[in-house]
Amino acid sequence: MIRLSGVLLLFFLRTSLCIPLDQFYPFGATEPDAQVPHGDDNFSPSITLQKQFLFFGEAFLSLFVNTNGVISFSRGVSDYTPDPFPLNDVQLIAPFWGDVDTRDGGTAWYRLSNSTELLSRSSEEIRNAFSLQSVFNATDLFISTWDHVEYFSGPTETSCSNDHELLTVHNCMCELL
């Protein structure tokens, strides 16, 4: 028996033309989230995933959430280098790759989730967005949210904060006998 598993990513970015913050998946201190330590170019400890994450032919069992708006595999990203992708030494998924500094505000939150409510919501959103995924049923989620993060050099009267969210959603698509 061969089991095929699927991973889909959902990106949410809040700007004047995008998804309102109240439509993000729940996050923050009122949820069972962990947070990346505040600072410039910080990252979470290694986070063990519930299932393998297949990314460009490589299987990963852990990842890092980085303040600079990315999740990375193999290691955390300790600096911001605005080089074009792919970077040679680290694999990234970048909903918003920027020079973010959370010393003066903003937080990067993250968690693994098996919430029935969130699994149902993500399954429905994927089925509605991707016509070839009509039987998609999420089995687990990884949610990372960058909440009101500022760019490096700190907030000013004219600066804007940024909010973005990344979900990795797994399902077992089928079994072949």
N, C-alpha and C. Protein backbone atom coordinates (compact mmCIF):
# COMPACT_ATOMS: atom_id res chain seq x y z
N MET A 1 0.84 -1.16 0.00
CA MET A 1 0.00 0.00 0.00
C MET A 1 0.90 1.24 0.00
N ILE A 2 0.57 2.18 -0.85
CA ILE A 2 1.29 3.45 -0.91
C ILE A 2 0.33 4.54 -0.45
N ARG A 3 0.77 5.33 0.47
CA ARG A 3 -0.07 6.43 0.95
C ARG A 3 0.51 7.74 0.40
N LEU A 4 -0.33 8.47 -0.28
CA LEU A 4 0.06 9.78 -0.78
C LEU A 4 -0.46 10.82 0.18
N SER A 5 0.37 11.75 0.56
CA SER A 5 -0.14 12.80 1.43
C SER A 5 0.09 14.14 0.76
N GLY A 6 -0.81 15.03 0.99
CA GLY A 6 -0.75 16.33 0.35
C GLY A 6 -0.50 17.43 1.35
N VAL A 7 0.15 18.44 0.89
CA VAL A 7 0.37 19.63 1.69
C VAL A 7 -0.03 20.81 0.82
N LEU A 8 -0.88 21.64 1.33
CA LEU A 8 -1.20 22.88 0.64
C LEU A 8 -0.90 24.03 1.58
N LEU A 9 -0.54 25.14 1.01
CA LEU A 9 -0.21 26.32 1.79
C LEU A 9 -1.25 27.38 1.52
N LEU A 10 -1.67 28.05 2.57
CA LEU A 10 -2.56 29.18 2.43
C LEU A 10 -1.82 30.40 2.96
N PHE A 11 -1.80 31.46 2.19
CA PHE A 11 -1.16 32.69 2.62
C PHE A 11 -2.22 33.75 2.80
N PHE A 12 -2.13 34.50 3.85
CA PHE A 12 -3.03 35.62 4.08
C PHE A 12 -2.18 36.85 4.38
N LEU A 13 -2.45 37.93 3.69
CA LEU A 13 -1.76 39.18 3.91
C LEU A 13 -2.80 40.26 4.12
N ARG A 14 -2.68 41.04 5.18
CA ARG A 14 -3.65 42.10 5.41
C ARG A 14 -3.08 43.41 4.89
N THR A 15 -3.73 43.95 3.91
CA THR A 15 -3.48 45.30 3.43
C THR A 15 -4.84 45.87 3.08
N SER A 16 -4.85 47.04 2.50
CA SER A 16 -6.14 47.66 2.19
C SER A 16 -6.92 46.86 1.15
N LEU A 17 -6.28 46.03 0.38
CA LEU A 17 -6.97 45.28 -0.67
C LEU A 17 -7.03 43.78 -0.39
N CYS A 18 -6.64 43.36 0.80
CA CYS A 18 -6.58 41.93 1.09
C CYS A 18 -7.52 41.55 2.22
N ILE A 19 -7.24 40.45 2.85
CA ILE A 19 -8.12 39.86 3.86
C ILE A 19 -8.06 40.67 5.16
N PRO A 20 -9.22 41.03 5.72
CA PRO A 20 -9.22 41.73 7.01
C PRO A 20 -8.66 40.83 8.11
N LEU A 21 -8.05 41.46 9.10
CA LEU A 21 -7.41 40.73 10.19
C LEU A 21 -8.38 39.81 10.92
N ASP A 22 -9.64 40.20 11.03
CA ASP A 22 -10.60 39.35 11.74
C ASP A 22 -10.94 38.08 10.97
N GLN A 23 -10.47 37.96 9.73
CA GLN A 23 -10.67 36.73 8.96
C GLN A 23 -9.45 35.82 8.97
N PHE A 24 -8.38 36.25 9.62
CA PHE A 24 -7.23 35.37 9.81
C PHE A 24 -7.66 34.19 10.69
N TYR A 25 -6.90 33.13 10.66
CA TYR A 25 -7.11 32.05 11.62
C TYR A 25 -6.76 32.62 12.99
N PRO A 26 -7.46 32.19 14.05
CA PRO A 26 -7.20 32.76 15.38
C PRO A 26 -5.72 32.61 15.77
N PHE A 27 -5.19 33.65 16.44
CA PHE A 27 -3.79 33.64 16.84
C PHE A 27 -3.60 34.52 18.06
N GLY A 28 -2.45 34.40 18.67
CA GLY A 28 -2.06 35.32 19.72
C GLY A 28 -2.15 34.75 21.12
N ALA A 29 -2.12 35.64 22.09
CA ALA A 29 -2.06 35.26 23.50
C ALA A 29 -3.31 34.53 23.97
N THR A 30 -4.45 34.72 23.28
CA THR A 30 -5.68 34.02 23.67
C THR A 30 -5.77 32.63 23.07
N GLU A 31 -4.81 32.25 22.27
CA GLU A 31 -4.74 30.93 21.63
C GLU A 31 -3.55 30.17 22.24
N PRO A 32 -3.45 28.87 21.96
CA PRO A 32 -2.30 28.13 22.49
C PRO A 32 -1.02 28.33 21.66
N ASP A 33 -0.79 29.58 21.24
CA ASP A 33 0.36 29.91 20.40
C ASP A 33 1.63 30.09 21.22
N ALA A 34 2.74 29.82 20.60
CA ALA A 34 4.05 30.21 21.11
C ALA A 34 4.46 31.45 20.31
N GLN A 35 5.46 32.16 20.78
CA GLN A 35 5.91 33.32 20.03
C GLN A 35 7.41 33.29 19.83
N VAL A 36 7.81 33.84 18.70
CA VAL A 36 9.23 34.00 18.42
C VAL A 36 9.74 35.11 19.34
N PRO A 37 10.90 34.93 19.98
CA PRO A 37 11.41 36.00 20.85
C PRO A 37 11.51 37.33 20.08
N HIS A 38 11.08 38.41 20.76
CA HIS A 38 11.15 39.73 20.12
C HIS A 38 12.59 40.10 19.84
N GLY A 39 12.80 40.77 18.72
CA GLY A 39 14.14 41.21 18.37
C GLY A 39 14.29 41.35 16.87
N ASP A 40 15.50 41.61 16.46
CA ASP A 40 15.84 41.75 15.05
C ASP A 40 16.45 40.44 14.57
N ASP A 41 15.87 39.88 13.53
CA ASP A 41 16.39 38.65 12.91
C ASP A 41 16.37 37.45 13.85
N ASN A 42 15.33 37.31 14.64
CA ASN A 42 15.20 36.17 15.55
C ASN A 42 14.41 35.04 14.90
N PHE A 43 14.46 33.89 15.54
CA PHE A 43 13.69 32.74 15.06
C PHE A 43 13.33 31.85 16.24
N SER A 44 12.32 31.02 16.00
CA SER A 44 11.84 30.08 17.02
C SER A 44 12.85 28.96 17.23
N PRO A 45 12.67 28.21 18.31
CA PRO A 45 13.40 26.93 18.38
C PRO A 45 12.90 26.02 17.27
N SER A 46 13.59 24.95 17.03
CA SER A 46 13.14 23.96 16.05
C SER A 46 11.78 23.42 16.49
N ILE A 47 10.82 23.41 15.55
CA ILE A 47 9.46 22.95 15.83
C ILE A 47 9.26 21.62 15.12
N THR A 48 9.00 20.58 15.88
CA THR A 48 8.78 19.25 15.31
C THR A 48 7.38 19.16 14.74
N LEU A 49 7.27 18.75 13.49
CA LEU A 49 5.98 18.64 12.82
C LEU A 49 5.34 17.28 13.09
N GLN A 50 4.03 17.20 12.92
CA GLN A 50 3.30 15.95 13.14
C GLN A 50 3.47 14.99 11.97
N LYS A 51 3.73 15.53 10.79
CA LYS A 51 3.95 14.71 9.59
C LYS A 51 5.09 15.31 8.80
N GLN A 52 5.67 14.50 7.92
CA GLN A 52 6.72 15.00 7.04
C GLN A 52 6.18 16.12 6.17
N PHE A 53 7.00 17.13 5.95
CA PHE A 53 6.68 18.22 5.05
C PHE A 53 7.57 18.05 3.83
N LEU A 54 6.97 17.74 2.69
CA LEU A 54 7.72 17.56 1.46
C LEU A 54 7.84 18.90 0.75
N PHE A 55 9.08 19.31 0.48
CA PHE A 55 9.33 20.62 -0.10
C PHE A 55 10.43 20.48 -1.14
N PHE A 56 10.06 20.62 -2.41
CA PHE A 56 10.98 20.47 -3.53
C PHE A 56 11.80 19.19 -3.43
N GLY A 57 11.11 18.08 -3.17
CA GLY A 57 11.74 16.77 -3.16
C GLY A 57 12.44 16.39 -1.87
N GLU A 58 12.51 17.28 -0.90
CA GLU A 58 13.12 16.97 0.39
C GLU A 58 12.04 16.84 1.44
N ALA A 59 12.22 15.88 2.35
CA ALA A 59 11.27 15.67 3.45
C ALA A 59 11.84 16.29 4.71
N PHE A 60 11.03 17.11 5.37
CA PHE A 60 11.44 17.76 6.61
C PHE A 60 10.49 17.38 7.73
N LEU A 61 11.03 17.19 8.92
CA LEU A 61 10.22 16.88 10.09
C LEU A 61 10.20 18.03 11.09
N SER A 62 10.86 19.13 10.75
CA SER A 62 10.85 20.29 11.63
C SER A 62 11.03 21.55 10.80
N LEU A 63 10.70 22.68 11.44
CA LEU A 63 10.86 23.97 10.79
C LEU A 63 11.10 25.04 11.83
N PHE A 64 11.40 26.25 11.37
CA PHE A 64 11.63 27.41 12.21
C PHE A 64 10.75 28.54 11.71
N VAL A 65 10.18 29.31 12.63
CA VAL A 65 9.47 30.54 12.27
C VAL A 65 10.44 31.68 12.54
N ASN A 66 10.60 32.55 11.55
CA ASN A 66 11.57 33.64 11.62
C ASN A 66 10.86 34.99 11.65
N THR A 67 11.41 35.95 12.39
CA THR A 67 10.76 37.26 12.46
C THR A 67 10.68 37.93 11.10
N ASN A 68 11.56 37.61 10.19
CA ASN A 68 11.60 38.27 8.89
C ASN A 68 10.54 37.77 7.91
N GLY A 69 9.49 37.13 8.42
CA GLY A 69 8.35 36.80 7.58
C GLY A 69 8.47 35.50 6.81
N VAL A 70 9.28 34.57 7.28
CA VAL A 70 9.46 33.30 6.58
C VAL A 70 9.43 32.15 7.57
N ILE A 71 9.13 30.96 7.04
CA ILE A 71 9.46 29.74 7.77
C ILE A 71 10.62 29.11 7.02
N SER A 72 11.51 28.50 7.77
CA SER A 72 12.70 27.90 7.16
C SER A 72 12.86 26.48 7.65
N PHE A 73 13.60 25.72 6.88
CA PHE A 73 13.90 24.32 7.21
C PHE A 73 15.40 24.21 7.43
N SER A 74 15.82 23.23 8.19
CA SER A 74 17.23 22.96 8.48
C SER A 74 17.82 23.87 9.54
N ARG A 75 17.52 25.18 9.48
CA ARG A 75 18.05 26.12 10.46
C ARG A 75 17.23 27.40 10.45
N GLY A 76 17.34 28.16 11.55
CA GLY A 76 16.72 29.48 11.59
C GLY A 76 17.52 30.46 10.76
N VAL A 77 16.90 31.54 10.37
CA VAL A 77 17.55 32.57 9.55
C VAL A 77 17.94 33.72 10.48
N SER A 78 19.24 33.93 10.65
CA SER A 78 19.72 34.90 11.63
C SER A 78 20.07 36.25 11.03
N ASP A 79 19.77 36.46 9.77
CA ASP A 79 19.98 37.78 9.17
C ASP A 79 19.02 37.97 8.01
N TYR A 80 18.87 39.20 7.60
CA TYR A 80 18.04 39.50 6.44
C TYR A 80 18.97 39.89 5.31
N THR A 81 18.94 39.12 4.26
CA THR A 81 19.73 39.39 3.08
C THR A 81 18.77 39.39 1.90
N PRO A 82 18.50 40.53 1.30
CA PRO A 82 17.50 40.59 0.25
C PRO A 82 17.98 40.02 -1.08
N ASP A 83 18.43 38.79 -1.03
CA ASP A 83 18.86 38.11 -2.24
C ASP A 83 17.66 37.44 -2.89
N PRO A 84 17.70 37.25 -4.21
CA PRO A 84 16.60 36.55 -4.86
C PRO A 84 16.60 35.07 -4.48
N PHE A 85 15.41 34.48 -4.50
CA PHE A 85 15.27 33.06 -4.20
C PHE A 85 15.64 32.25 -5.43
N PRO A 86 16.09 31.02 -5.29
CA PRO A 86 16.32 30.32 -4.03
C PRO A 86 17.66 30.73 -3.42
N LEU A 87 17.69 30.73 -2.11
CA LEU A 87 18.95 30.98 -1.41
C LEU A 87 19.71 29.67 -1.36
N ASN A 88 21.02 29.73 -1.45
CA ASN A 88 21.83 28.51 -1.54
C ASN A 88 21.85 27.67 -0.28
N ASP A 89 21.79 28.30 0.88
CA ASP A 89 22.07 27.56 2.10
C ASP A 89 20.85 27.26 2.97
N VAL A 90 19.67 27.70 2.58
CA VAL A 90 18.49 27.45 3.42
C VAL A 90 17.24 27.43 2.54
N GLN A 91 16.32 26.54 2.90
CA GLN A 91 15.05 26.44 2.18
C GLN A 91 14.03 27.26 2.96
N LEU A 92 13.30 28.12 2.23
CA LEU A 92 12.35 29.04 2.85
C LEU A 92 10.98 28.96 2.19
N ILE A 93 9.95 29.24 2.97
CA ILE A 93 8.65 29.59 2.43
C ILE A 93 8.40 30.99 2.94
N ALA A 94 8.14 31.91 2.02
CA ALA A 94 8.13 33.32 2.37
C ALA A 94 6.81 34.00 2.01
N PRO A 95 5.86 34.03 2.95
CA PRO A 95 4.65 34.81 2.66
C PRO A 95 4.96 36.30 2.59
N PHE A 96 5.99 36.75 3.33
CA PHE A 96 6.42 38.15 3.28
C PHE A 96 7.87 38.21 3.75
N TRP A 97 8.79 38.27 2.81
CA TRP A 97 10.23 38.29 3.11
C TRP A 97 10.64 39.75 3.23
N GLY A 98 10.88 40.19 4.46
CA GLY A 98 11.24 41.59 4.70
C GLY A 98 12.15 41.71 5.89
N ASP A 99 12.73 42.87 6.05
CA ASP A 99 13.63 43.13 7.17
C ASP A 99 12.78 43.58 8.36
N VAL A 100 12.27 42.62 9.12
CA VAL A 100 11.34 42.87 10.21
C VAL A 100 12.11 42.93 11.54
N ASP A 101 11.68 43.85 12.40
CA ASP A 101 12.28 44.01 13.71
C ASP A 101 11.15 44.14 14.72
N THR A 102 11.04 43.19 15.65
CA THR A 102 9.94 43.21 16.61
C THR A 102 10.36 43.76 17.98
N ARG A 103 11.50 44.41 18.07
CA ARG A 103 11.93 44.98 19.36
C ARG A 103 10.97 46.06 19.85
N ASP A 104 10.39 46.84 18.94
CA ASP A 104 9.50 47.94 19.31
C ASP A 104 8.03 47.62 19.07
N GLY A 105 7.70 46.36 18.88
CA GLY A 105 6.30 45.99 18.70
C GLY A 105 6.13 44.92 17.65
N GLY A 106 4.96 44.33 17.69
CA GLY A 106 4.64 43.24 16.79
C GLY A 106 5.15 41.92 17.33
N THR A 107 4.51 40.85 16.90
CA THR A 107 4.86 39.52 17.38
C THR A 107 4.69 38.50 16.27
N ALA A 108 5.58 37.55 16.21
CA ALA A 108 5.43 36.38 15.33
C ALA A 108 4.95 35.22 16.20
N TRP A 109 3.75 34.72 15.92
CA TRP A 109 3.11 33.64 16.67
C TRP A 109 3.12 32.36 15.84
N TYR A 110 3.03 31.20 16.50
CA TYR A 110 2.95 29.94 15.76
C TYR A 110 2.38 28.84 16.65
N ARG A 111 1.80 27.82 15.96
CA ARG A 111 1.32 26.63 16.67
C ARG A 111 0.96 25.54 15.68
N LEU A 112 1.01 24.31 16.17
CA LEU A 112 0.43 23.16 15.49
C LEU A 112 -1.00 23.04 15.96
N SER A 113 -1.91 22.61 15.10
CA SER A 113 -3.31 22.51 15.51
C SER A 113 -3.98 21.30 14.90
N ASN A 114 -4.82 20.66 15.72
CA ASN A 114 -5.71 19.60 15.27
C ASN A 114 -7.15 19.97 15.61
N SER A 115 -7.42 21.26 15.78
CA SER A 115 -8.75 21.75 16.12
C SER A 115 -9.75 21.34 15.03
N THR A 116 -10.80 20.67 15.44
CA THR A 116 -11.83 20.23 14.48
C THR A 116 -12.39 21.42 13.71
N GLU A 117 -12.64 22.51 14.40
CA GLU A 117 -13.18 23.70 13.76
C GLU A 117 -12.23 24.26 12.69
N LEU A 118 -10.95 24.35 13.02
CA LEU A 118 -9.98 24.89 12.06
C LEU A 118 -9.69 23.92 10.93
N LEU A 119 -9.70 22.61 11.22
CA LEU A 119 -9.52 21.62 10.15
C LEU A 119 -10.68 21.70 9.17
N SER A 120 -11.89 21.83 9.67
CA SER A 120 -13.07 21.96 8.80
C SER A 120 -12.98 23.22 7.95
N ARG A 121 -12.62 24.32 8.59
CA ARG A 121 -12.52 25.60 7.86
C ARG A 121 -11.47 25.51 6.76
N SER A 122 -10.30 24.99 7.08
CA SER A 122 -9.24 24.92 6.07
C SER A 122 -9.61 23.95 4.95
N SER A 123 -10.25 22.85 5.29
CA SER A 123 -10.68 21.89 4.25
C SER A 123 -11.65 22.56 3.29
N GLU A 124 -12.62 23.28 3.84
CA GLU A 124 -13.61 23.95 2.99
C GLU A 124 -12.96 25.02 2.11
N GLU A 125 -12.05 25.80 2.69
CA GLU A 125 -11.38 26.84 1.90
C GLU A 125 -10.56 26.25 0.77
N ILE A 126 -9.89 25.14 1.03
CA ILE A 126 -9.10 24.50 -0.03
C ILE A 126 -10.01 23.90 -1.10
N ARG A 127 -11.06 23.23 -0.69
CA ARG A 127 -12.00 22.66 -1.69
C ARG A 127 -12.62 23.76 -2.55
N ASN A 128 -12.92 24.91 -1.95
CA ASN A 128 -13.52 26.01 -2.71
C ASN A 128 -12.51 26.70 -3.63
N ALA A 129 -11.26 26.75 -3.24
CA ALA A 129 -10.25 27.46 -4.02
C ALA A 129 -9.61 26.61 -5.11
N PHE A 130 -9.58 25.28 -4.92
CA PHE A 130 -8.89 24.40 -5.86
C PHE A 130 -9.85 23.32 -6.33
N SER A 131 -10.32 23.43 -7.55
CA SER A 131 -11.35 22.52 -8.06
C SER A 131 -10.90 21.05 -8.07
N LEU A 132 -9.63 20.78 -8.19
CA LEU A 132 -9.15 19.40 -8.20
C LEU A 132 -8.99 18.82 -6.79
N GLN A 133 -9.33 19.59 -5.77
CA GLN A 133 -9.21 19.13 -4.38
C GLN A 133 -10.59 18.98 -3.74
N SER A 134 -11.55 18.49 -4.50
CA SER A 134 -12.94 18.43 -4.02
C SER A 134 -13.16 17.48 -2.84
N VAL A 135 -12.24 16.57 -2.59
CA VAL A 135 -12.37 15.65 -1.44
C VAL A 135 -11.32 15.91 -0.37
N PHE A 136 -10.70 17.07 -0.42
CA PHE A 136 -9.64 17.41 0.53
C PHE A 136 -10.20 17.46 1.95
N ASN A 137 -9.54 16.76 2.87
CA ASN A 137 -9.89 16.79 4.29
C ASN A 137 -8.62 16.95 5.09
N ALA A 138 -8.46 18.11 5.69
CA ALA A 138 -7.26 18.42 6.46
C ALA A 138 -7.16 17.51 7.68
N THR A 139 -5.93 17.09 7.98
CA THR A 139 -5.69 16.26 9.16
C THR A 139 -4.89 17.00 10.23
N ASP A 140 -4.12 18.01 9.83
CA ASP A 140 -3.42 18.85 10.80
C ASP A 140 -2.98 20.13 10.12
N LEU A 141 -2.75 21.15 10.96
CA LEU A 141 -2.36 22.48 10.49
C LEU A 141 -1.13 22.96 11.23
N PHE A 142 -0.33 23.75 10.56
CA PHE A 142 0.68 24.55 11.24
C PHE A 142 0.35 25.99 10.88
N ILE A 143 0.13 26.82 11.91
CA ILE A 143 -0.28 28.21 11.70
C ILE A 143 0.82 29.12 12.20
N SER A 144 1.29 30.02 11.34
CA SER A 144 2.24 31.04 11.77
C SER A 144 1.69 32.40 11.36
N THR A 145 1.69 33.33 12.31
CA THR A 145 1.10 34.65 12.08
C THR A 145 2.07 35.73 12.54
N TRP A 146 2.31 36.70 11.68
CA TRP A 146 3.13 37.86 12.01
C TRP A 146 2.14 39.00 12.24
N ASP A 147 2.03 39.44 13.49
CA ASP A 147 1.01 40.37 13.92
C ASP A 147 1.59 41.76 14.18
N HIS A 148 1.20 42.74 13.37
CA HIS A 148 1.62 44.13 13.51
C HIS A 148 3.14 44.28 13.62
N VAL A 149 3.85 43.60 12.73
CA VAL A 149 5.31 43.68 12.74
C VAL A 149 5.77 44.90 11.95
N GLU A 150 6.87 45.48 12.40
CA GLU A 150 7.45 46.68 11.80
C GLU A 150 8.72 46.31 11.04
N TYR A 151 9.07 47.15 10.09
CA TYR A 151 10.32 46.94 9.38
C TYR A 151 11.49 47.43 10.23
N PHE A 152 12.69 46.99 9.86
CA PHE A 152 13.88 47.38 10.60
C PHE A 152 14.01 48.90 10.56
N SER A 153 14.40 49.48 11.65
CA SER A 153 14.59 50.90 11.92
C SER A 153 13.46 51.42 12.78
N GLY A 154 12.47 50.56 13.07
CA GLY A 154 11.46 50.88 14.06
C GLY A 154 10.32 51.73 13.56
N PRO A 155 9.29 51.82 14.40
CA PRO A 155 8.12 52.57 14.02
C PRO A 155 8.37 54.08 14.04
N THR A 156 7.72 54.76 13.13
CA THR A 156 7.73 56.22 13.10
C THR A 156 6.28 56.66 12.92
N GLU A 157 6.06 57.96 12.91
CA GLU A 157 4.69 58.45 12.72
C GLU A 157 4.11 58.04 11.38
N THR A 158 4.97 57.85 10.38
CA THR A 158 4.47 57.51 9.05
C THR A 158 4.65 56.03 8.70
N SER A 159 5.20 55.24 9.62
CA SER A 159 5.43 53.82 9.30
C SER A 159 4.14 53.02 9.37
N CYS A 160 4.15 51.91 8.72
CA CYS A 160 3.00 51.01 8.72
C CYS A 160 3.45 49.66 9.24
N SER A 161 2.57 49.02 9.98
CA SER A 161 2.88 47.66 10.41
C SER A 161 2.29 46.70 9.40
N ASN A 162 2.73 45.47 9.48
CA ASN A 162 2.32 44.45 8.53
C ASN A 162 1.78 43.25 9.29
N ASP A 163 0.74 42.63 8.77
CA ASP A 163 0.19 41.39 9.31
C ASP A 163 0.14 40.38 8.19
N HIS A 164 0.61 39.19 8.45
CA HIS A 164 0.49 38.13 7.46
C HIS A 164 0.47 36.79 8.18
N GLU A 165 -0.10 35.80 7.50
CA GLU A 165 -0.29 34.49 8.11
C GLU A 165 0.00 33.42 7.07
N LEU A 166 0.61 32.35 7.53
CA LEU A 166 0.92 31.20 6.68
C LEU A 166 0.37 29.95 7.35
N LEU A 167 -0.36 29.16 6.59
CA LEU A 167 -0.84 27.87 7.08
C LEU A 167 -0.26 26.78 6.22
N THR A 168 0.25 25.73 6.84
CA THR A 168 0.54 24.50 6.10
C THR A 168 -0.57 23.54 6.52
N VAL A 169 -1.18 22.93 5.54
CA VAL A 169 -2.33 22.07 5.78
C VAL A 169 -2.04 20.71 5.18
N HIS A 170 -2.08 19.66 6.00
CA HIS A 170 -1.84 18.30 5.53
C HIS A 170 -3.16 17.55 5.40
N ASN A 171 -3.16 16.61 4.48
CA ASN A 171 -4.27 15.64 4.42
C ASN A 171 -3.73 14.34 3.86
N CYS A 172 -4.48 13.29 4.06
CA CYS A 172 -4.17 12.03 3.40
C CYS A 172 -5.11 11.95 2.20
N MET A 173 -4.56 12.12 1.01
CA MET A 173 -5.40 12.25 -0.17
C MET A 173 -5.97 10.91 -0.62
N CYS A 174 -5.17 9.86 -0.55
CA CYS A 174 -5.69 8.58 -1.04
C CYS A 174 -4.74 7.46 -0.62
N GLU A 175 -5.19 6.25 -0.77
CA GLU A 175 -4.34 5.09 -0.57
C GLU A 175 -4.40 4.24 -1.83
N LEU A 176 -3.25 3.81 -2.29
CA LEU A 176 -3.18 2.91 -3.46
C LEU A 176 -2.81 1.54 -2.96
N LEU A 177 -3.58 0.53 -3.32
CA LEU A 177 -3.29 -0.85 -2.88
C LEU A 177 -2.42 -1.56 -3.89
